[in-house]
Amino acid sequence: MRGLPLRSIWQIVSEINLAEIQREIETPFHLLIAADAEGDALDAARHLSSDLADFVHPWITVTDSRGSGFLSHSTDIVPSANARRTTSSQQDPPVPNFALLVTSKPDLSQDLSSLQQALNAQSIPSLVVVVGRESGRPESAIARRGEQARIAVSDWSTQNVSKVAARLVDQLPASLRLPFARRLPPLRPHALNLLIQETSQVNASYSFTTGLGETVPGLNFVLGAGDAIVLTKNQLMMAYKIALVSGKSGSPQQLLGEIVGVLGGGFLFRQLARQMSGLIPVWGIVPKVAVSYAGTWAIGRTVMVWATEGQKITPELIRGHYREALGHGRQAARRIVESAPRPRLPSAGSKQLPSKKAVSSRLLRQVGKRIPRLPPRKS
């Protein structure tokens, strides 16, 4: 099957609500970071706000363990050194969407424990971060009663910031992962990897479902064309989200047009042609699912490298991502196929299921019947 023509790609783009995706990713949030010493909370806020740890994002509130002493920032991002303490006459900060409780001891202080209980009472998810010399103790990383999760790190080195950021993303509600990652760069790598994995899994599962449907005579071509549209739509939505989370700006149409240009229509069409290639039904399902996963993963990684690192996209780079993704795709395909419901075995005395050889012969006979016969040669 040939790849989708360019006009079909743009028709798919027109059906995607880009403005709604942008609104969701730009949704404001409120992250609360608390510690027994306000300076420890401020240190965590700086490292999670920027790769350079030189400011605190205005959507982060820093407080001591008693919940007082909130730091206020202007609507613009300002250096943390210019942060000022709120007074009782100032407006209270909004209810947080998530909270980080920073401690230097394996057991929370009484004030931090009380704050944890208050967060639980309001159903506000949280993460406990143990930082310092005692983080190496085995019990430091074990969540206590009433805690959703915790992590222990020795300091705020780049590697440890990445660990805390990844754990934070894992604990966030799914609807807030991308908004947090757009505003807080240290969270982006893990959030984008999750987005790519989830979209690849969705496309692989969809290909498996339609692959089963293609075993029904007459549906092969219809489902193949439908596959191309659905998979392309999911891939383009993923690519647009990656660009927004990475800090790209511009009108939705301009930004997605830039993405398609960066990927190169030729690669996109060839990749879709691979997904929809005439693989033999039933026995071709596993490779088809693997290719769907790998193609989506390769597109996601390619857009991520372009959006976050500004790297020029070349055919060699794309092929490298695709080769790397095929291993993940095969594993995903095996998981999907193995977890699918198995057909019931025939009961005693019932008609046995036909063998693979018998089904293959029957398929060949059906195909042969549709091939026009040549008129007999005249003697």
Protein backbone atom coordinates (compact mmCIF):
# COMPACT_ATOMS: atom_id res chain seq x y z
CA MET A 1 0.00 0.00 0.00
CA ARG A 2 1.30 3.45 -0.86
CA GLY A 3 1.77 6.12 1.77
CA LEU A 4 -0.83 8.78 2.38
CA PRO A 5 -0.72 11.69 -0.09
CA LEU A 6 0.18 15.12 1.27
CA ARG A 7 -3.39 16.41 1.01
CA SER A 8 -4.51 13.54 3.25
CA ILE A 9 -1.89 14.45 5.85
CA TRP A 10 -3.15 18.03 6.02
CA GLN A 11 -6.75 16.81 6.14
CA ILE A 12 -5.83 14.77 9.22
CA VAL A 13 -4.11 17.84 10.71
CA SER A 14 -7.28 19.89 10.20
CA GLU A 15 -9.22 17.34 12.28
CA ILE A 16 -6.90 17.72 15.30
CA ASN A 17 -7.97 20.32 17.86
CA LEU A 18 -4.57 21.95 18.21
CA ALA A 19 -5.89 24.87 20.23
CA GLU A 20 -7.37 22.53 22.84
CA ILE A 21 -4.08 20.63 23.13
CA GLN A 22 -2.25 23.92 23.62
CA ARG A 23 -4.69 25.06 26.32
CA GLU A 24 -4.26 21.80 28.21
CA ILE A 25 -0.46 21.97 28.16
CA GLU A 26 -0.42 25.64 29.17
CA THR A 27 -2.76 25.02 32.12
CA PRO A 28 -1.44 26.85 35.23
CA PHE A 29 -0.44 24.73 38.22
CA HIS A 30 0.71 25.27 41.79
CA LEU A 31 3.57 23.27 43.25
CA LEU A 32 4.17 23.52 47.00
CA ILE A 33 7.65 22.73 48.35
CA ALA A 34 8.04 22.58 52.13
CA ALA A 35 10.95 21.79 54.44
CA ASP A 36 11.82 22.27 58.11
CA ALA A 37 14.33 24.91 57.02
CA GLU A 38 12.90 27.24 54.41
CA GLY A 39 16.31 27.43 52.72
CA ASP A 40 16.21 23.69 52.00
CA ALA A 41 12.84 24.07 50.29
CA LEU A 42 14.15 27.04 48.33
CA ASP A 43 17.16 25.01 47.20
CA ALA A 44 14.89 22.24 45.89
CA ALA A 45 12.67 24.79 44.12
CA ARG A 46 15.64 26.32 42.30
CA HIS A 47 16.90 22.96 41.03
CA LEU A 48 13.47 21.92 39.79
CA SER A 49 12.79 25.28 38.14
CA SER A 50 15.81 25.44 35.88
CA ASP A 51 18.76 23.41 34.67
CA LEU A 52 20.94 26.22 35.99
CA ALA A 53 19.13 26.41 39.36
CA ASP A 54 19.24 30.23 39.22
CA PHE A 55 15.59 31.12 39.85
CA VAL A 56 12.31 29.87 41.30
CA HIS A 57 9.38 29.55 38.96
CA PRO A 58 6.44 31.77 40.00
CA TRP A 59 4.06 28.80 40.09
CA ILE A 60 6.10 27.24 42.90
CA THR A 61 5.40 28.21 46.50
CA VAL A 62 8.16 27.66 49.05
CA THR A 63 7.38 27.36 52.74
CA ASP A 64 8.74 26.07 56.01
CA SER A 65 7.27 22.95 57.60
CA ARG A 66 4.63 24.93 59.50
CA GLY A 67 3.04 26.06 56.25
CA SER A 68 3.87 29.70 56.94
CA GLY A 69 6.49 31.96 55.43
CA PHE A 70 5.38 31.55 51.82
CA LEU A 71 7.67 33.11 49.24
CA SER A 72 6.03 35.33 46.66
CA HIS A 73 7.22 36.01 43.14
CA SER A 74 6.06 38.40 40.49
CA THR A 75 4.29 37.12 37.39
CA ASP A 76 7.65 37.12 35.65
CA ILE A 77 10.37 34.62 36.53
CA VAL A 78 12.70 36.39 38.94
CA PRO A 79 15.96 35.37 40.63
CA SER A 80 15.33 33.57 43.89
CA ALA A 81 17.56 36.05 45.69
CA ASN A 82 14.87 38.67 45.03
CA ALA A 83 12.12 36.54 46.51
CA ARG A 84 10.33 38.14 49.40
CA ARG A 85 8.32 36.72 52.27
CA THR A 86 4.57 37.23 52.23
CA THR A 87 2.88 38.99 55.11
CA SER A 88 -0.38 38.10 56.76
CA SER A 89 -2.09 40.93 54.87
CA GLN A 90 -1.22 39.45 51.48
CA GLN A 91 -3.55 37.11 49.65
CA ASP A 92 -3.14 33.43 50.48
CA PRO A 93 -1.61 31.30 47.73
CA PRO A 94 -3.89 28.95 45.77
CA VAL A 95 -4.41 25.34 46.78
CA PRO A 96 -1.47 23.31 45.42
CA ASN A 97 -1.88 20.60 42.79
CA PHE A 98 1.13 18.74 44.18
CA ALA A 99 3.52 19.02 47.13
CA LEU A 100 7.15 18.15 47.77
CA LEU A 101 8.18 17.60 51.40
CA VAL A 102 11.96 17.96 51.77
CA THR A 103 13.67 16.53 54.84
CA SER A 104 17.20 15.68 55.96
CA LYS A 105 16.02 12.88 58.27
CA PRO A 106 14.43 9.52 57.37
CA ASP A 107 11.48 10.31 59.66
CA LEU A 108 9.47 13.45 59.08
CA SER A 109 9.44 16.07 61.81
CA GLN A 110 6.19 16.67 63.65
CA ASP A 111 5.50 19.79 61.57
CA LEU A 112 6.15 18.08 58.24
CA SER A 113 4.08 15.09 59.36
CA SER A 114 1.18 17.40 60.22
CA LEU A 115 1.51 19.09 56.84
CA GLN A 116 1.46 15.66 55.18
CA GLN A 117 -1.78 14.82 56.99
CA ALA A 118 -3.31 18.13 55.91
CA LEU A 119 -2.38 17.41 52.29
CA ASN A 120 -3.91 13.94 52.50
CA ALA A 121 -7.09 15.38 53.96
CA GLN A 122 -7.43 17.57 50.86
CA SER A 123 -6.46 14.71 48.49
CA ILE A 124 -3.36 16.60 47.34
CA PRO A 125 -0.69 14.16 46.06
CA SER A 126 2.82 14.55 47.45
CA LEU A 127 6.35 13.21 47.34
CA VAL A 128 8.80 13.04 50.25
CA VAL A 129 12.42 13.80 49.33
CA VAL A 130 15.16 12.85 51.79
CA VAL A 131 18.31 14.87 51.04
CA GLY A 132 21.66 14.70 52.81
CA ARG A 133 23.99 12.33 54.63
CA GLU A 134 21.26 10.12 56.04
CA SER A 135 19.77 9.47 52.60
CA GLY A 136 22.03 6.43 52.28
CA ARG A 137 20.29 4.58 55.10
CA PRO A 138 18.06 1.78 53.71
CA GLU A 139 14.96 3.02 55.49
CA SER A 140 15.28 6.53 54.02
CA ALA A 141 13.69 5.52 50.71
CA ILE A 142 10.83 3.51 52.23
CA ALA A 143 7.51 5.38 52.28
CA ARG A 144 5.92 5.70 55.70
CA ARG A 145 2.27 5.34 56.55
CA GLY A 146 0.27 8.17 54.98
CA GLU A 147 2.93 8.90 52.32
CA GLN A 148 2.24 8.26 48.64
CA ALA A 149 5.91 7.97 47.67
CA ARG A 150 9.40 9.04 48.68
CA ILE A 151 12.91 9.17 47.25
CA ALA A 152 16.32 9.60 48.90
CA VAL A 153 19.26 11.46 47.32
CA SER A 154 22.59 12.58 48.75
CA ASP A 155 22.55 16.07 47.20
CA TRP A 156 21.16 18.17 44.37
CA SER A 157 23.65 17.07 41.72
CA THR A 158 22.45 16.94 38.11
CA GLN A 159 21.97 13.18 38.28
CA ASN A 160 19.99 13.34 41.51
CA VAL A 161 17.83 16.21 40.23
CA SER A 162 16.93 13.98 37.29
CA LYS A 163 15.96 11.17 39.67
CA VAL A 164 13.74 13.43 41.77
CA ALA A 165 12.19 15.00 38.64
CA ALA A 166 11.40 11.56 37.19
CA ARG A 167 9.80 10.40 40.44
CA LEU A 168 7.79 13.61 40.63
CA VAL A 169 6.49 13.08 37.07
CA ASP A 170 5.52 9.49 37.92
CA GLN A 171 3.47 10.69 40.89
CA LEU A 172 1.74 13.55 39.08
CA PRO A 173 -1.82 13.10 37.79
CA ALA A 174 -1.61 12.31 34.07
CA SER A 175 -3.36 15.58 33.18
CA LEU A 176 -0.61 17.62 34.87
CA ARG A 177 2.52 15.85 33.58
CA LEU A 178 2.89 17.92 30.43
CA PRO A 179 1.93 21.30 31.99
CA PHE A 180 4.54 20.75 34.73
CA ALA A 181 7.16 19.65 32.20
CA ARG A 182 6.58 22.65 29.93
CA ARG A 183 7.33 25.09 32.76
CA LEU A 184 9.98 23.07 34.62
CA PRO A 185 12.75 21.92 32.20
CA PRO A 186 14.28 19.26 34.53
CA LEU A 187 10.97 17.34 34.28
CA ARG A 188 10.90 17.30 30.47
CA PRO A 189 13.05 14.24 29.60
CA HIS A 190 11.03 11.79 31.68
CA ALA A 191 7.65 13.33 30.82
CA LEU A 192 8.40 13.24 27.09
CA ASN A 193 9.70 9.68 27.24
CA LEU A 194 6.46 8.63 28.92
CA LEU A 195 4.44 10.42 26.23
CA ILE A 196 6.37 8.66 23.46
CA GLN A 197 6.06 5.25 25.13
CA GLU A 198 2.34 5.65 25.75
CA THR A 199 1.60 6.80 22.18
CA SER A 200 3.71 3.97 20.74
CA GLN A 201 1.82 1.48 22.90
CA VAL A 202 -1.54 2.90 21.81
CA ASN A 203 -0.60 2.63 18.12
CA ALA A 204 0.79 -0.87 18.57
CA SER A 205 -2.38 -2.02 20.34
CA TYR A 206 -4.53 -0.47 17.63
CA SER A 207 -2.52 -2.24 14.92
CA PHE A 208 -2.95 -5.53 16.74
CA THR A 209 -6.73 -5.07 16.93
CA THR A 210 -7.09 -4.17 13.26
CA GLY A 211 -4.60 -6.90 12.36
CA LEU A 212 -7.03 -9.42 13.76
CA GLY A 213 -9.83 -7.80 11.77
CA GLU A 214 -7.81 -8.10 8.58
CA THR A 215 -8.13 -11.88 8.80
CA VAL A 216 -11.78 -11.43 7.79
CA PRO A 217 -12.07 -11.65 3.98
CA GLY A 218 -12.87 -8.31 2.35
CA LEU A 219 -11.83 -6.12 5.29
CA ASN A 220 -8.09 -6.02 4.62
CA PHE A 221 -8.04 -2.95 2.40
CA VAL A 222 -10.63 -1.00 4.43
CA LEU A 223 -8.86 -1.54 7.74
CA GLY A 224 -5.46 -0.84 6.17
CA ALA A 225 -6.58 2.62 5.02
CA GLY A 226 -8.16 3.29 8.42
CA ASP A 227 -4.94 2.29 10.16
CA ALA A 228 -2.95 4.88 8.23
CA ILE A 229 -5.29 7.68 9.26
CA VAL A 230 -5.51 6.76 12.95
CA LEU A 231 -1.80 6.08 13.39
CA THR A 232 -0.81 9.29 11.60
CA LYS A 233 -3.22 11.33 13.70
CA ASN A 234 -1.80 9.93 16.94
CA GLN A 235 1.77 10.52 15.76
CA LEU A 236 1.10 14.13 14.78
CA MET A 237 -0.67 14.86 18.07
CA MET A 238 2.29 13.37 19.95
CA ALA A 239 4.76 15.44 17.93
CA TYR A 240 2.80 18.65 18.59
CA LYS A 241 2.72 17.95 22.33
CA ILE A 242 6.47 17.29 22.37
CA ALA A 243 7.12 20.64 20.68
CA LEU A 244 4.92 22.54 23.13
CA VAL A 245 6.38 20.85 26.22
CA SER A 246 9.88 21.61 24.94
CA GLY A 247 9.08 25.33 24.92
CA LYS A 248 8.33 25.85 21.24
CA SER A 249 5.97 28.71 20.44
CA GLY A 250 4.00 29.99 17.48
CA SER A 251 0.54 29.45 16.06
CA PRO A 252 -0.63 25.82 16.11
CA GLN A 253 -0.73 25.60 12.32
CA GLN A 254 2.76 27.09 11.91
CA LEU A 255 4.25 24.86 14.60
CA LEU A 256 2.78 21.62 13.25
CA GLY A 257 3.76 22.63 9.73
CA GLU A 258 7.31 23.07 10.95
CA ILE A 259 7.21 19.61 12.55
CA VAL A 260 6.07 17.94 9.31
CA GLY A 261 8.80 19.81 7.46
CA VAL A 262 11.44 18.72 9.96
CA LEU A 263 10.39 15.07 9.77
CA GLY A 264 10.33 15.11 6.00
CA GLY A 265 7.21 13.92 4.22
CA GLY A 266 9.14 11.19 2.44
CA PHE A 267 10.10 9.47 5.69
CA LEU A 268 6.61 9.81 7.12
CA PHE A 269 5.04 8.28 4.03
CA ARG A 270 7.55 5.44 3.83
CA GLN A 271 7.07 4.67 7.51
CA LEU A 272 3.30 4.52 7.03
CA ALA A 273 3.75 2.31 4.00
CA ARG A 274 5.74 -0.10 6.15
CA GLN A 275 2.98 -0.13 8.75
CA MET A 276 0.35 -0.88 6.12
CA SER A 277 2.47 -3.22 4.00
CA GLY A 278 0.80 -6.42 2.83
CA LEU A 279 1.92 -8.62 5.70
CA ILE A 280 0.31 -12.06 5.74
CA PRO A 281 -2.73 -12.02 8.03
CA VAL A 282 -2.46 -13.80 11.40
CA TRP A 283 1.24 -14.74 11.06
CA GLY A 284 2.08 -11.13 10.09
CA ILE A 285 0.41 -9.54 13.10
CA VAL A 286 3.50 -9.57 15.34
CA PRO A 287 5.81 -7.80 12.85
CA LYS A 288 3.05 -5.33 11.97
CA VAL A 289 2.55 -4.43 15.64
CA ALA A 290 6.32 -4.12 16.11
CA VAL A 291 6.66 -1.80 13.12
CA SER A 292 3.74 0.38 14.30
CA TYR A 293 5.38 0.75 17.72
CA ALA A 294 8.83 1.39 16.26
CA GLY A 295 7.62 3.94 13.72
CA THR A 296 5.78 5.95 16.36
CA TRP A 297 8.72 5.73 18.78
CA ALA A 298 11.19 6.85 16.10
CA ILE A 299 9.05 9.86 15.17
CA GLY A 300 8.70 10.82 18.84
CA ARG A 301 12.45 10.58 19.52
CA THR A 302 13.25 12.51 16.34
CA VAL A 303 10.92 15.38 17.22
CA MET A 304 12.20 15.36 20.82
CA VAL A 305 15.84 15.73 19.71
CA TRP A 306 14.89 18.56 17.37
CA ALA A 307 12.70 20.39 19.90
CA THR A 308 14.90 20.04 23.00
CA GLU A 309 18.41 20.09 21.53
CA GLY A 310 17.93 21.94 18.26
CA GLN A 311 19.63 19.07 16.45
CA LYS A 312 19.30 18.97 12.68
CA ILE A 313 17.25 16.02 11.52
CA THR A 314 18.92 13.80 8.94
CA PRO A 315 17.82 10.51 7.33
CA GLU A 316 20.68 8.79 9.18
CA LEU A 317 19.42 10.07 12.53
CA ILE A 318 15.88 8.92 11.81
CA ARG A 319 17.03 5.50 10.66
CA GLY A 320 19.12 5.18 13.82
CA HIS A 321 16.08 5.93 16.00
CA TYR A 322 14.02 3.45 13.98
CA ARG A 323 16.57 0.64 14.35
CA GLU A 324 16.77 1.32 18.09
CA ALA A 325 12.98 1.35 18.35
CA LEU A 326 12.49 -1.98 16.58
CA GLY A 327 13.83 -3.85 19.61
CA HIS A 328 11.30 -2.09 21.85
CA GLY A 329 8.62 -2.73 19.23
CA ARG A 330 9.24 -6.47 19.12
CA GLN A 331 9.05 -6.68 22.91
CA ALA A 332 5.81 -4.65 22.94
CA ALA A 333 4.34 -6.81 20.18
CA ARG A 334 5.09 -10.00 22.11
CA ARG A 335 3.51 -8.56 25.27
CA ILE A 336 0.38 -7.49 23.41
CA VAL A 337 -0.02 -10.79 21.57
CA GLU A 338 0.71 -12.92 24.66
CA SER A 339 -1.78 -10.98 26.79
CA ALA A 340 -4.56 -11.28 24.19
CA PRO A 341 -7.42 -13.69 25.04
CA ARG A 342 -6.72 -17.16 23.73
CA PRO A 343 -9.29 -19.00 21.59
CA ARG A 344 -11.10 -21.77 23.39
CA LEU A 345 -9.86 -25.25 22.65
CA PRO A 346 -12.35 -27.55 20.90
CA SER A 347 -14.21 -29.88 23.20
CA ALA A 348 -14.03 -33.65 22.89
CA GLY A 349 -15.79 -34.87 19.78
CA SER A 350 -15.97 -31.41 18.20
CA LYS A 351 -14.40 -30.49 14.90
CA GLN A 352 -10.68 -29.78 15.29
CA LEU A 353 -9.26 -26.38 14.31
CA PRO A 354 -7.65 -26.40 10.85
CA SER A 355 -3.88 -26.56 10.72
CA LYS A 356 -1.72 -23.66 9.60
CA LYS A 357 -0.92 -25.53 6.38
CA ALA A 358 -4.62 -26.12 5.65
CA VAL A 359 -5.50 -22.46 6.24
CA SER A 360 -2.61 -21.37 4.02
CA SER A 361 -3.75 -23.68 1.20
CA ARG A 362 -7.31 -22.38 1.49
CA LEU A 363 -6.10 -18.76 1.30
CA LEU A 364 -4.09 -19.57 -1.83
CA ARG A 365 -7.12 -21.23 -3.43
CA GLN A 366 -9.26 -18.16 -2.66
CA VAL A 367 -6.68 -15.88 -4.21
CA GLY A 368 -6.39 -18.17 -7.23
CA LYS A 369 -10.11 -17.95 -7.88
CA ARG A 370 -9.85 -14.17 -8.18
CA ILE A 371 -7.06 -14.24 -10.78
CA PRO A 372 -8.49 -13.93 -14.30
CA ARG A 373 -7.77 -16.97 -16.43
CA LEU A 374 -6.14 -16.55 -19.81
CA PRO A 375 -8.12 -17.74 -22.81
CA PRO A 376 -6.96 -21.09 -24.21
CA ARG A 377 -4.35 -20.93 -26.89
CA LYS A 378 -5.55 -21.69 -30.38
CA SER A 379 -3.99 -24.75 -31.94
